[in-house]
Amino acid sequence: MTETRRTWRRTGALIAVASAGALGVGLSAAPAIAHTPVWSVTCDEVSVDLTAYSPTEDNTVTITVDGKELLPTKTFKKEFHDKLALPEHDKELTVRLVVVAGDGDQFSRDESKTAPVCEDESPSPTPSTTPPSPTPSETSPTPSETPSTSAPATSAPATSAPATPSAPPSTTPGGGLAETGGSSATPIIAGAAAAVILAGGGIMWAARKRRSAQH
């Protein structure tokens, strides 16, 4: 009886040790399965979701874009979530995620992904070239208007030109406009001439009358 009891005790002790060892292995393996770093990159955004990290140790995360910091190093515990906008770009960008786990380097991550160019950014330069085209079209009518204003200026001298030749035909040795007959002195001259004619006629009539009286 004593020997059987001893054997049962030994087997029980072995079973307890084995179960404790299995439990310890399971506990040590659990954190390795629990760390879940998930992150994604689009043409304009970076999304990061880090869960099931050590709640007692300090964990850090850093994100860079083409070597420049997009997310400076931040410390977190247990989990970290964030969404970051990428700068505008016309070529692909290299986004790097660095996660340092405080409970072991085996849980740390150093990964890189590529951010493509957004399709909306490529057509944007084309509308920028089209707006300049209407501006020259608007400026072009202005020169067309300027010659139209200059055209009446040329017609004005054409009207003034006939006025100048009208004066030359009236040129006489005296050279004055009064001799053309269109001045205000013509009625006076005509009146004087009429008076001279009347006076001459009166003189001639008086002379004839004297002659007839003498005979």
N, C-alpha and C. Protein backbone atom coordinates (compact mmCIF):
# COMPACT_ATOMS: atom_id res chain seq x y z
N MET A 1 0.82 -1.20 0.00
CA MET A 1 0.00 0.00 0.00
C MET A 1 0.86 1.26 0.00
N THR A 2 1.94 1.19 0.82
CA THR A 2 2.81 2.37 0.89
C THR A 2 3.49 2.64 -0.44
N GLU A 3 3.87 1.60 -1.15
CA GLU A 3 4.54 1.79 -2.43
C GLU A 3 3.59 2.38 -3.46
N THR A 4 2.39 1.93 -3.47
CA THR A 4 1.41 2.48 -4.44
C THR A 4 1.14 3.95 -4.17
N ARG A 5 1.06 4.32 -2.90
CA ARG A 5 0.85 5.73 -2.57
C ARG A 5 2.02 6.59 -3.05
N ARG A 6 3.22 6.06 -2.86
CA ARG A 6 4.39 6.81 -3.30
C ARG A 6 4.38 7.01 -4.81
N THR A 7 4.01 6.00 -5.51
CA THR A 7 3.97 6.11 -6.97
C THR A 7 2.91 7.13 -7.42
N TRP A 8 1.75 7.13 -6.75
CA TRP A 8 0.71 8.09 -7.09
C TRP A 8 1.18 9.53 -6.80
N ARG A 9 1.90 9.67 -5.70
CA ARG A 9 2.40 11.01 -5.37
C ARG A 9 3.41 11.49 -6.43
N ARG A 10 4.27 10.61 -6.85
CA ARG A 10 5.27 10.96 -7.85
C ARG A 10 4.61 11.34 -9.17
N THR A 11 3.66 10.56 -9.59
CA THR A 11 2.96 10.88 -10.84
C THR A 11 2.20 12.20 -10.74
N GLY A 12 1.59 12.42 -9.55
CA GLY A 12 0.89 13.70 -9.37
C GLY A 12 1.82 14.89 -9.42
N ALA A 13 2.99 14.72 -8.81
CA ALA A 13 3.97 15.81 -8.85
C ALA A 13 4.44 16.07 -10.27
N LEU A 14 4.66 15.02 -11.02
CA LEU A 14 5.09 15.18 -12.41
C LEU A 14 4.02 15.89 -13.24
N ILE A 15 2.77 15.49 -12.99
CA ILE A 15 1.69 16.14 -13.74
C ILE A 15 1.60 17.62 -13.40
N ALA A 16 1.78 17.96 -12.13
CA ALA A 16 1.72 19.37 -11.72
C ALA A 16 2.83 20.17 -12.35
N VAL A 17 4.03 19.60 -12.36
CA VAL A 17 5.17 20.31 -12.97
C VAL A 17 4.95 20.51 -14.46
N ALA A 18 4.43 19.49 -15.11
CA ALA A 18 4.19 19.58 -16.56
C ALA A 18 3.13 20.62 -16.88
N SER A 19 2.07 20.61 -16.09
CA SER A 19 1.02 21.60 -16.34
C SER A 19 1.49 23.02 -16.09
N ALA A 20 2.31 23.22 -15.04
CA ALA A 20 2.85 24.55 -14.77
C ALA A 20 3.76 25.00 -15.89
N GLY A 21 4.56 24.07 -16.42
CA GLY A 21 5.44 24.43 -17.53
C GLY A 21 4.66 24.79 -18.77
N ALA A 22 3.61 24.04 -19.04
CA ALA A 22 2.78 24.35 -20.21
C ALA A 22 2.10 25.69 -20.06
N LEU A 23 1.63 25.98 -18.82
CA LEU A 23 1.00 27.28 -18.59
C LEU A 23 1.98 28.42 -18.76
N GLY A 24 3.22 28.22 -18.27
CA GLY A 24 4.25 29.26 -18.44
C GLY A 24 4.59 29.50 -19.89
N VAL A 25 4.67 28.43 -20.66
CA VAL A 25 4.94 28.59 -22.10
C VAL A 25 3.81 29.31 -22.79
N GLY A 26 2.58 28.96 -22.40
CA GLY A 26 1.42 29.64 -22.99
C GLY A 26 1.39 31.11 -22.67
N LEU A 27 1.72 31.47 -21.40
CA LEU A 27 1.74 32.88 -21.02
C LEU A 27 2.84 33.64 -21.74
N SER A 28 3.98 33.01 -21.89
CA SER A 28 5.09 33.68 -22.58
C SER A 28 4.81 33.83 -24.07
N ALA A 29 4.07 32.89 -24.63
CA ALA A 29 3.76 32.97 -26.06
C ALA A 29 2.61 33.90 -26.35
N ALA A 30 1.78 34.16 -25.36
CA ALA A 30 0.60 35.00 -25.58
C ALA A 30 0.94 36.39 -26.07
N PRO A 31 1.93 37.10 -25.46
CA PRO A 31 2.24 38.44 -25.95
C PRO A 31 2.69 38.45 -27.40
N ALA A 32 3.40 37.41 -27.85
CA ALA A 32 3.87 37.37 -29.22
C ALA A 32 2.71 37.35 -30.20
N ILE A 33 1.65 36.69 -29.84
CA ILE A 33 0.49 36.62 -30.70
C ILE A 33 -0.34 37.89 -30.58
N ALA A 34 -0.30 38.55 -29.44
CA ALA A 34 -1.17 39.69 -29.18
C ALA A 34 -0.74 40.95 -29.93
N HIS A 35 0.52 41.19 -30.15
CA HIS A 35 0.98 42.43 -30.82
C HIS A 35 0.45 42.45 -32.25
N THR A 36 -0.32 43.47 -32.54
CA THR A 36 -0.93 43.57 -33.89
C THR A 36 -0.72 44.97 -34.47
N PRO A 37 0.41 45.17 -35.11
CA PRO A 37 0.62 46.46 -35.80
C PRO A 37 -0.04 46.44 -37.18
N VAL A 38 -0.99 47.33 -37.39
CA VAL A 38 -1.68 47.43 -38.68
C VAL A 38 -1.58 48.87 -39.16
N TRP A 39 -1.12 49.04 -40.41
CA TRP A 39 -1.05 50.38 -40.97
C TRP A 39 -1.20 50.30 -42.48
N SER A 40 -1.71 51.37 -43.06
CA SER A 40 -1.96 51.41 -44.51
C SER A 40 -1.60 52.79 -45.05
N VAL A 41 -1.30 52.83 -46.35
CA VAL A 41 -0.88 54.07 -47.01
C VAL A 41 -1.69 54.24 -48.28
N THR A 42 -2.29 55.41 -48.46
CA THR A 42 -2.97 55.77 -49.70
C THR A 42 -2.20 56.91 -50.37
N CYS A 43 -2.79 57.49 -51.40
CA CYS A 43 -2.11 58.58 -52.10
C CYS A 43 -2.02 59.84 -51.27
N ASP A 44 -2.90 59.99 -50.27
CA ASP A 44 -2.92 61.24 -49.50
C ASP A 44 -3.02 61.04 -48.00
N GLU A 45 -2.91 59.77 -47.50
CA GLU A 45 -3.13 59.56 -46.07
C GLU A 45 -2.38 58.32 -45.59
N VAL A 46 -1.99 58.38 -44.30
CA VAL A 46 -1.37 57.23 -43.63
C VAL A 46 -2.22 56.92 -42.40
N SER A 47 -2.66 55.67 -42.30
CA SER A 47 -3.48 55.23 -41.17
C SER A 47 -2.70 54.19 -40.37
N VAL A 48 -2.64 54.39 -39.04
CA VAL A 48 -1.88 53.52 -38.15
C VAL A 48 -2.79 53.04 -37.03
N ASP A 49 -2.79 51.72 -36.78
CA ASP A 49 -3.55 51.10 -35.68
C ASP A 49 -2.65 50.05 -35.02
N LEU A 50 -2.15 50.39 -33.83
CA LEU A 50 -1.28 49.48 -33.07
C LEU A 50 -2.05 49.06 -31.81
N THR A 51 -2.30 47.77 -31.69
CA THR A 51 -3.11 47.27 -30.56
C THR A 51 -2.38 46.11 -29.87
N ALA A 52 -2.84 45.85 -28.64
CA ALA A 52 -2.36 44.72 -27.83
C ALA A 52 -0.87 44.81 -27.54
N TYR A 53 -0.37 46.00 -27.32
CA TYR A 53 1.02 46.16 -26.89
C TYR A 53 1.07 46.21 -25.36
N SER A 54 2.26 46.22 -24.83
CA SER A 54 2.43 46.16 -23.38
C SER A 54 1.78 47.37 -22.72
N PRO A 55 0.91 47.12 -21.72
CA PRO A 55 0.29 48.24 -21.03
C PRO A 55 1.17 48.85 -19.95
N THR A 56 2.27 48.21 -19.65
CA THR A 56 3.15 48.71 -18.58
C THR A 56 4.44 49.30 -19.13
N GLU A 57 4.93 48.79 -20.25
CA GLU A 57 6.18 49.27 -20.83
C GLU A 57 5.91 50.43 -21.80
N ASP A 58 6.93 51.26 -22.02
CA ASP A 58 6.81 52.37 -22.96
C ASP A 58 7.10 51.88 -24.38
N ASN A 59 6.14 52.07 -25.26
CA ASN A 59 6.29 51.74 -26.67
C ASN A 59 6.34 53.05 -27.48
N THR A 60 7.09 53.06 -28.56
CA THR A 60 7.23 54.28 -29.36
C THR A 60 6.89 53.99 -30.81
N VAL A 61 6.41 55.04 -31.52
CA VAL A 61 6.09 54.93 -32.94
C VAL A 61 6.58 56.19 -33.64
N THR A 62 7.16 56.02 -34.84
CA THR A 62 7.67 57.14 -35.64
C THR A 62 7.32 56.88 -37.10
N ILE A 63 6.92 57.95 -37.81
CA ILE A 63 6.59 57.84 -39.24
C ILE A 63 7.34 58.92 -39.99
N THR A 64 8.02 58.54 -41.05
CA THR A 64 8.75 59.49 -41.90
C THR A 64 8.31 59.33 -43.35
N VAL A 65 8.46 60.43 -44.11
CA VAL A 65 8.14 60.44 -45.54
C VAL A 65 9.35 60.96 -46.29
N ASP A 66 9.95 60.07 -47.09
CA ASP A 66 11.18 60.42 -47.82
C ASP A 66 12.24 61.00 -46.88
N GLY A 67 12.36 60.41 -45.69
CA GLY A 67 13.37 60.84 -44.72
C GLY A 67 12.96 61.99 -43.84
N LYS A 68 11.80 62.61 -44.10
CA LYS A 68 11.33 63.74 -43.29
C LYS A 68 10.23 63.26 -42.34
N GLU A 69 10.27 63.79 -41.13
CA GLU A 69 9.32 63.34 -40.12
C GLU A 69 7.90 63.79 -40.46
N LEU A 70 7.01 62.82 -40.55
CA LEU A 70 5.58 63.11 -40.67
C LEU A 70 4.92 63.00 -39.30
N LEU A 71 5.37 62.03 -38.50
CA LEU A 71 4.92 61.86 -37.12
C LEU A 71 6.15 61.73 -36.24
N PRO A 72 6.49 62.77 -35.48
CA PRO A 72 7.63 62.65 -34.57
C PRO A 72 7.41 61.50 -33.59
N THR A 73 8.49 61.02 -33.02
CA THR A 73 8.42 59.86 -32.12
C THR A 73 7.45 60.13 -30.97
N LYS A 74 6.47 59.22 -30.85
CA LYS A 74 5.48 59.31 -29.78
C LYS A 74 5.50 58.04 -28.94
N THR A 75 5.31 58.25 -27.64
CA THR A 75 5.29 57.12 -26.71
C THR A 75 3.84 56.75 -26.40
N PHE A 76 3.56 55.44 -26.38
CA PHE A 76 2.21 54.98 -26.07
C PHE A 76 2.28 53.68 -25.28
N LYS A 77 1.16 53.35 -24.70
CA LYS A 77 1.02 52.09 -23.96
C LYS A 77 -0.24 51.38 -24.42
N LYS A 78 -0.12 50.10 -24.57
CA LYS A 78 -1.21 49.21 -24.94
C LYS A 78 -1.63 49.39 -26.40
N GLU A 79 -2.00 50.62 -26.84
CA GLU A 79 -2.45 50.80 -28.22
C GLU A 79 -2.24 52.24 -28.67
N PHE A 80 -2.25 52.39 -30.01
CA PHE A 80 -2.04 53.71 -30.62
C PHE A 80 -2.82 53.74 -31.94
N HIS A 81 -3.56 54.85 -32.18
CA HIS A 81 -4.35 55.02 -33.41
C HIS A 81 -4.18 56.45 -33.91
N ASP A 82 -3.96 56.59 -35.23
CA ASP A 82 -3.81 57.93 -35.79
C ASP A 82 -3.94 57.87 -37.31
N LYS A 83 -4.38 59.01 -37.89
CA LYS A 83 -4.44 59.17 -39.34
C LYS A 83 -3.74 60.48 -39.70
N LEU A 84 -2.82 60.40 -40.63
CA LEU A 84 -1.99 61.55 -40.98
C LEU A 84 -2.13 61.84 -42.47
N ALA A 85 -2.25 63.12 -42.80
CA ALA A 85 -2.36 63.54 -44.21
C ALA A 85 -0.97 63.68 -44.81
N LEU A 86 -0.81 63.15 -45.99
CA LEU A 86 0.47 63.27 -46.70
C LEU A 86 0.55 64.61 -47.43
N PRO A 87 1.75 65.14 -47.60
CA PRO A 87 1.88 66.39 -48.37
C PRO A 87 1.58 66.14 -49.84
N GLU A 88 1.19 67.21 -50.54
CA GLU A 88 0.92 67.09 -51.97
C GLU A 88 2.20 66.69 -52.70
N HIS A 89 2.05 65.79 -53.67
CA HIS A 89 3.24 65.28 -54.36
C HIS A 89 2.86 64.89 -55.78
N ASP A 90 3.85 65.04 -56.69
CA ASP A 90 3.65 64.65 -58.08
C ASP A 90 4.46 63.42 -58.44
N LYS A 91 5.06 62.78 -57.44
CA LYS A 91 5.76 61.52 -57.63
C LYS A 91 5.56 60.65 -56.38
N GLU A 92 5.88 59.36 -56.50
CA GLU A 92 5.66 58.44 -55.39
C GLU A 92 6.53 58.81 -54.18
N LEU A 93 5.94 58.58 -52.98
CA LEU A 93 6.63 58.86 -51.73
C LEU A 93 6.89 57.55 -50.98
N THR A 94 7.99 57.51 -50.26
CA THR A 94 8.33 56.35 -49.43
C THR A 94 7.98 56.67 -47.99
N VAL A 95 7.02 55.93 -47.45
CA VAL A 95 6.56 56.13 -46.08
C VAL A 95 7.13 55.00 -45.22
N ARG A 96 7.76 55.38 -44.11
CA ARG A 96 8.42 54.40 -43.23
C ARG A 96 7.79 54.44 -41.84
N LEU A 97 7.46 53.28 -41.32
CA LEU A 97 6.90 53.14 -39.97
C LEU A 97 7.90 52.40 -39.10
N VAL A 98 8.22 52.99 -37.94
CA VAL A 98 9.14 52.37 -36.98
C VAL A 98 8.42 52.27 -35.65
N VAL A 99 8.21 51.03 -35.18
CA VAL A 99 7.57 50.78 -33.89
C VAL A 99 8.56 50.04 -33.00
N VAL A 100 8.83 50.60 -31.84
CA VAL A 100 9.74 49.96 -30.87
C VAL A 100 8.90 49.51 -29.68
N ALA A 101 8.82 48.18 -29.50
CA ALA A 101 8.04 47.62 -28.39
C ALA A 101 8.88 47.61 -27.13
N GLY A 102 8.28 48.03 -26.03
CA GLY A 102 9.02 48.10 -24.77
C GLY A 102 9.23 46.76 -24.12
N ASP A 103 8.50 45.73 -24.53
CA ASP A 103 8.63 44.41 -23.91
C ASP A 103 9.47 43.46 -24.72
N GLY A 104 10.19 43.94 -25.71
CA GLY A 104 11.09 43.07 -26.46
C GLY A 104 11.28 43.53 -27.89
N ASP A 105 12.53 43.45 -28.37
CA ASP A 105 12.82 43.88 -29.75
C ASP A 105 12.14 42.98 -30.77
N GLN A 106 11.81 41.74 -30.38
CA GLN A 106 11.17 40.83 -31.34
C GLN A 106 9.78 41.31 -31.74
N PHE A 107 9.21 42.23 -30.95
CA PHE A 107 7.88 42.75 -31.26
C PHE A 107 7.94 44.12 -31.97
N SER A 108 9.15 44.61 -32.19
CA SER A 108 9.31 45.90 -32.87
C SER A 108 9.11 45.73 -34.38
N ARG A 109 8.83 46.83 -35.05
CA ARG A 109 8.59 46.83 -36.49
C ARG A 109 9.33 47.98 -37.16
N ASP A 110 9.87 47.71 -38.34
CA ASP A 110 10.50 48.73 -39.19
C ASP A 110 10.12 48.40 -40.63
N GLU A 111 9.06 49.08 -41.13
CA GLU A 111 8.52 48.75 -42.44
C GLU A 111 8.38 50.02 -43.29
N SER A 112 8.39 49.83 -44.60
CA SER A 112 8.24 50.94 -45.54
C SER A 112 7.19 50.59 -46.58
N LYS A 113 6.43 51.60 -46.97
CA LYS A 113 5.42 51.45 -48.02
C LYS A 113 5.49 52.66 -48.95
N THR A 114 4.89 52.50 -50.13
CA THR A 114 4.93 53.55 -51.15
C THR A 114 3.57 54.22 -51.27
N ALA A 115 3.57 55.55 -51.25
CA ALA A 115 2.35 56.33 -51.45
C ALA A 115 2.27 56.75 -52.91
N PRO A 116 1.27 56.28 -53.66
CA PRO A 116 1.16 56.66 -55.07
C PRO A 116 0.72 58.10 -55.25
N VAL A 117 0.77 58.56 -56.48
CA VAL A 117 0.31 59.91 -56.81
C VAL A 117 -1.20 59.89 -56.99
N CYS A 118 -1.88 60.83 -56.38
CA CYS A 118 -3.34 60.90 -56.52
C CYS A 118 -3.71 61.28 -57.95
N GLU A 119 -4.76 60.66 -58.46
CA GLU A 119 -5.19 60.94 -59.84
C GLU A 119 -5.71 62.35 -59.99
N ASP A 120 -6.25 62.93 -58.92
CA ASP A 120 -6.80 64.29 -58.99
C ASP A 120 -5.71 65.32 -59.15
N GLU A 121 -4.47 65.01 -58.74
CA GLU A 121 -3.39 66.00 -58.80
C GLU A 121 -2.83 66.14 -60.20
N SER A 122 -2.89 65.05 -61.02
CA SER A 122 -2.32 65.13 -62.36
C SER A 122 -3.09 66.06 -63.29
N PRO A 123 -4.47 66.03 -63.30
CA PRO A 123 -5.16 66.98 -64.18
C PRO A 123 -5.14 68.40 -63.72
N SER A 124 -4.76 68.65 -62.46
CA SER A 124 -4.79 70.01 -61.94
C SER A 124 -3.91 70.97 -62.72
N PRO A 125 -2.69 70.54 -63.21
CA PRO A 125 -1.89 71.50 -63.98
C PRO A 125 -2.51 71.90 -65.30
N THR A 126 -3.36 71.03 -65.91
CA THR A 126 -3.96 71.37 -67.20
C THR A 126 -4.89 72.56 -67.13
N PRO A 127 -5.81 72.63 -66.09
CA PRO A 127 -6.63 73.84 -66.02
C PRO A 127 -5.83 75.09 -65.77
N SER A 128 -4.66 74.95 -65.14
CA SER A 128 -3.84 76.13 -64.88
C SER A 128 -3.31 76.72 -66.18
N THR A 129 -3.10 75.86 -67.22
CA THR A 129 -2.63 76.37 -68.51
C THR A 129 -3.76 76.99 -69.32
N THR A 130 -5.00 76.50 -69.15
CA THR A 130 -6.11 77.04 -69.95
C THR A 130 -6.50 78.46 -69.58
N PRO A 131 -6.50 78.86 -68.26
CA PRO A 131 -6.91 80.23 -67.94
C PRO A 131 -6.12 81.31 -68.63
N PRO A 132 -4.78 81.14 -68.85
CA PRO A 132 -4.06 82.21 -69.53
C PRO A 132 -4.57 82.49 -70.93
N SER A 133 -5.17 81.46 -71.62
CA SER A 133 -5.62 81.66 -72.99
C SER A 133 -6.69 82.71 -73.13
N PRO A 134 -7.74 82.75 -72.21
CA PRO A 134 -8.74 83.81 -72.36
C PRO A 134 -8.20 85.20 -72.12
N THR A 135 -7.17 85.33 -71.29
CA THR A 135 -6.64 86.65 -70.99
C THR A 135 -6.07 87.34 -72.23
N PRO A 136 -5.26 86.63 -73.09
CA PRO A 136 -4.80 87.32 -74.30
C PRO A 136 -5.94 87.66 -75.24
N SER A 137 -6.99 86.82 -75.25
CA SER A 137 -8.13 87.13 -76.12
C SER A 137 -8.82 88.40 -75.69
N GLU A 138 -8.81 88.65 -74.36
CA GLU A 138 -9.42 89.88 -73.87
C GLU A 138 -8.56 91.10 -74.18
N THR A 139 -7.25 90.90 -74.15
CA THR A 139 -6.36 92.02 -74.45
C THR A 139 -6.33 92.34 -75.93
N SER A 140 -6.56 91.32 -76.81
CA SER A 140 -6.50 91.55 -78.25
C SER A 140 -7.53 92.54 -78.74
N PRO A 141 -8.82 92.51 -78.21
CA PRO A 141 -9.77 93.51 -78.70
C PRO A 141 -9.37 94.94 -78.41
N THR A 142 -8.57 95.17 -77.36
CA THR A 142 -8.20 96.53 -77.03
C THR A 142 -7.39 97.19 -78.14
N PRO A 143 -6.38 96.46 -78.75
CA PRO A 143 -5.70 97.12 -79.88
C PRO A 143 -6.61 97.38 -81.05
N SER A 144 -7.64 96.50 -81.25
CA SER A 144 -8.55 96.72 -82.37
C SER A 144 -9.37 97.98 -82.17
N GLU A 145 -9.64 98.30 -80.88
CA GLU A 145 -10.39 99.51 -80.60
C GLU A 145 -9.56 100.76 -80.82
N THR A 146 -8.27 100.68 -80.50
CA THR A 146 -7.41 101.84 -80.67
C THR A 146 -7.31 102.28 -82.12
N PRO A 147 -7.12 101.33 -83.12
CA PRO A 147 -7.11 101.81 -84.51
C PRO A 147 -8.43 102.41 -84.94
N SER A 148 -9.55 101.90 -84.36
CA SER A 148 -10.85 102.46 -84.74
C SER A 148 -10.94 103.92 -84.34
N THR A 149 -10.35 104.26 -83.17
CA THR A 149 -10.35 105.66 -82.74
C THR A 149 -9.42 106.51 -83.59
N SER A 150 -8.30 105.89 -84.06
CA SER A 150 -7.36 106.65 -84.89
C SER A 150 -7.93 106.91 -86.28
N ALA A 151 -8.84 106.02 -86.77
CA ALA A 151 -9.41 106.19 -88.10
C ALA A 151 -10.16 107.50 -88.24
N PRO A 152 -11.08 107.85 -87.27
CA PRO A 152 -11.74 109.16 -87.39
C PRO A 152 -10.78 110.32 -87.37
N ALA A 153 -9.61 110.15 -86.69
CA ALA A 153 -8.64 111.24 -86.65
C ALA A 153 -8.12 111.52 -88.04
N THR A 154 -7.94 110.46 -88.87
CA THR A 154 -7.45 110.67 -90.24
C THR A 154 -8.52 111.33 -91.10
N SER A 155 -9.83 111.00 -90.83
CA SER A 155 -10.89 111.59 -91.63
C SER A 155 -11.04 113.08 -91.33
N ALA A 156 -10.70 113.51 -90.09
CA ALA A 156 -10.84 114.92 -89.72
C ALA A 156 -9.97 115.82 -90.59
N PRO A 157 -8.67 115.48 -90.78
CA PRO A 157 -7.88 116.35 -91.66
C PRO A 157 -8.39 116.38 -93.08
N ALA A 158 -9.09 115.32 -93.51
CA ALA A 158 -9.62 115.32 -94.88
C ALA A 158 -10.66 116.41 -95.04
N THR A 159 -11.48 116.66 -94.00
CA THR A 159 -12.47 117.73 -94.08
C THR A 159 -11.83 119.10 -94.02
N SER A 160 -10.74 119.22 -93.22
CA SER A 160 -10.08 120.52 -93.09
C SER A 160 -9.29 120.88 -94.35
N ALA A 161 -8.89 119.87 -95.15
CA ALA A 161 -8.07 120.12 -96.33
C ALA A 161 -8.78 120.99 -97.35
N PRO A 162 -10.09 120.74 -97.69
CA PRO A 162 -10.73 121.62 -98.69
C PRO A 162 -10.86 123.04 -98.23
N ALA A 163 -10.85 123.31 -96.91
CA ALA A 163 -11.00 124.69 -96.43
C ALA A 163 -9.79 125.52 -96.81
N THR A 164 -8.62 124.95 -96.80
CA THR A 164 -7.40 125.70 -97.10
C THR A 164 -7.30 126.10 -98.57
N PRO A 165 -7.67 125.19 -99.58
CA PRO A 165 -7.56 125.63 -100.97
C PRO A 165 -8.56 126.69 -101.35
N SER A 166 -9.66 126.88 -100.59
CA SER A 166 -10.65 127.89 -100.94
C SER A 166 -10.08 129.30 -100.85
N ALA A 167 -9.10 129.55 -99.97
CA ALA A 167 -8.53 130.88 -99.82
C ALA A 167 -7.64 131.28 -100.99
N PRO A 168 -6.80 130.39 -101.58
CA PRO A 168 -5.85 130.81 -102.62
C PRO A 168 -6.48 131.45 -103.84
N PRO A 169 -7.65 130.96 -104.36
CA PRO A 169 -8.14 131.61 -105.59
C PRO A 169 -8.41 133.08 -105.42
N SER A 170 -8.56 133.62 -104.22
CA SER A 170 -8.85 135.03 -104.00
C SER A 170 -7.60 135.86 -103.88
N THR A 171 -6.43 135.26 -104.13
CA THR A 171 -5.16 136.00 -103.98
C THR A 171 -5.06 137.05 -105.08
N THR A 172 -4.68 138.31 -104.73
CA THR A 172 -4.49 139.45 -105.64
C THR A 172 -3.20 140.12 -105.27
N PRO A 173 -2.75 141.12 -106.04
CA PRO A 173 -1.52 141.82 -105.65
C PRO A 173 -1.61 142.39 -104.26
N GLY A 174 -2.81 142.77 -103.83
CA GLY A 174 -2.94 143.30 -102.45
C GLY A 174 -2.73 142.22 -101.42
N GLY A 175 -3.17 140.98 -101.71
CA GLY A 175 -2.96 139.85 -100.80
C GLY A 175 -3.87 139.85 -99.62
N GLY A 176 -4.97 140.65 -99.54
CA GLY A 176 -5.85 140.65 -98.37
C GLY A 176 -7.15 139.95 -98.69
N LEU A 177 -7.80 139.44 -97.68
CA LEU A 177 -9.08 138.78 -97.86
C LEU A 177 -10.18 139.80 -98.16
N ALA A 178 -9.97 141.13 -97.82
CA ALA A 178 -11.00 142.13 -98.05
C ALA A 178 -11.26 142.32 -99.52
N GLU A 179 -10.26 142.06 -100.42
CA GLU A 179 -10.40 142.26 -101.85
C GLU A 179 -11.15 141.15 -102.52
N THR A 180 -11.46 140.08 -101.82
CA THR A 180 -12.18 138.96 -102.44
C THR A 180 -13.64 139.31 -102.61
N GLY A 181 -14.10 140.39 -101.99
CA GLY A 181 -15.50 140.77 -102.10
C GLY A 181 -16.35 140.17 -101.03
N GLY A 182 -15.79 139.37 -100.17
CA GLY A 182 -16.58 138.75 -99.13
C GLY A 182 -16.41 139.43 -97.80
N SER A 183 -15.68 140.64 -97.77
CA SER A 183 -15.46 141.28 -96.49
C SER A 183 -16.59 142.26 -96.19
N SER A 184 -16.58 142.85 -95.01
CA SER A 184 -17.63 143.79 -94.59
C SER A 184 -17.47 145.18 -95.22
N ALA A 185 -16.31 145.48 -95.89
CA ALA A 185 -16.06 146.81 -96.48
C ALA A 185 -16.69 146.97 -97.86
N THR A 186 -17.19 145.92 -98.46
CA THR A 186 -17.75 146.02 -99.81
C THR A 186 -18.94 146.98 -99.91
N PRO A 187 -19.90 146.98 -99.00
CA PRO A 187 -21.01 147.96 -99.14
C PRO A 187 -20.53 149.40 -99.06
N ILE A 188 -19.51 149.65 -98.23
CA ILE A 188 -19.00 151.03 -98.13
C ILE A 188 -18.37 151.45 -99.45
N ILE A 189 -17.59 150.54 -100.01
CA ILE A 189 -16.93 150.86 -101.30
C ILE A 189 -17.97 151.09 -102.39
N ALA A 190 -18.99 150.23 -102.39
CA ALA A 190 -20.04 150.39 -103.42
C ALA A 190 -20.77 151.73 -103.25
N GLY A 191 -21.05 152.10 -101.98
CA GLY A 191 -21.73 153.38 -101.74
C GLY A 191 -20.89 154.56 -102.20
N ALA A 192 -19.58 154.50 -101.93
CA ALA A 192 -18.69 155.59 -102.35
C ALA A 192 -18.64 155.71 -103.86
N ALA A 193 -18.62 154.52 -104.51
CA ALA A 193 -18.59 154.55 -105.98
C ALA A 193 -19.86 155.16 -106.54
N ALA A 194 -21.00 154.82 -105.90
CA ALA A 194 -22.28 155.38 -106.38
C ALA A 194 -22.31 156.89 -106.18
N ALA A 195 -21.77 157.35 -105.05
CA ALA A 195 -21.75 158.79 -104.79
C ALA A 195 -20.88 159.52 -105.82
N VAL A 196 -19.74 158.89 -106.14
CA VAL A 196 -18.86 159.51 -107.14
C VAL A 196 -19.55 159.59 -108.49
N ILE A 197 -20.29 158.51 -108.84
CA ILE A 197 -20.98 158.51 -110.13
C ILE A 197 -22.05 159.60 -110.17
N LEU A 198 -22.82 159.71 -109.04
CA LEU A 198 -23.87 160.73 -108.99
C LEU A 198 -23.27 162.15 -109.06
N ALA A 199 -22.14 162.27 -108.29
CA ALA A 199 -21.51 163.60 -108.32
C ALA A 199 -21.03 163.95 -109.73
N GLY A 200 -20.45 162.97 -110.41
CA GLY A 200 -19.98 163.22 -111.78
C GLY A 200 -21.13 163.57 -112.72
N GLY A 201 -22.24 162.82 -112.52
CA GLY A 201 -23.39 163.10 -113.37
C GLY A 201 -23.93 164.51 -113.13
N GLY A 202 -23.93 164.92 -111.83
CA GLY A 202 -24.42 166.28 -111.51
C GLY A 202 -23.53 167.34 -112.11
N ILE A 203 -22.23 167.10 -112.03
CA ILE A 203 -21.28 168.08 -112.60
C ILE A 203 -21.49 168.20 -114.11
N MET A 204 -21.65 167.04 -114.76
CA MET A 204 -21.82 167.07 -116.21
C MET A 204 -23.14 167.79 -116.58
N TRP A 205 -24.19 167.53 -115.79
CA TRP A 205 -25.48 168.17 -116.09
C TRP A 205 -25.39 169.70 -115.90
N ALA A 206 -24.65 170.13 -114.82
CA ALA A 206 -24.50 171.57 -114.56
C ALA A 206 -23.68 172.23 -115.67
N ALA A 207 -22.67 171.51 -116.18
CA ALA A 207 -21.82 172.07 -117.25
C ALA A 207 -22.61 172.25 -118.53
N ARG A 208 -23.45 171.28 -118.84
CA ARG A 208 -24.27 171.39 -120.05
C ARG A 208 -25.27 172.55 -119.95
N LYS A 209 -25.81 172.69 -118.72
CA LYS A 209 -26.79 173.75 -118.52
C LYS A 209 -26.12 175.11 -118.69
N ARG A 210 -24.89 175.25 -118.23
CA ARG A 210 -24.17 176.53 -118.37
C ARG A 210 -23.91 176.80 -119.85
N ARG A 211 -23.55 175.74 -120.55
CA ARG A 211 -23.22 175.94 -121.97
C ARG A 211 -24.48 176.39 -122.75
N SER A 212 -25.57 175.73 -122.42
CA SER A 212 -26.81 176.10 -123.12
C SER A 212 -27.24 177.53 -122.78
N ALA A 213 -26.98 177.99 -121.58
CA ALA A 213 -27.34 179.35 -121.18
C ALA A 213 -26.46 180.38 -121.87
N GLN A 214 -25.19 180.05 -122.09
CA GLN A 214 -24.29 180.97 -122.73
C GLN A 214 -24.68 181.15 -124.20
N HIS A 215 -25.11 180.09 -124.86
CA HIS A 215 -25.52 180.20 -126.25
C HIS A 215 -26.82 180.95 -126.40
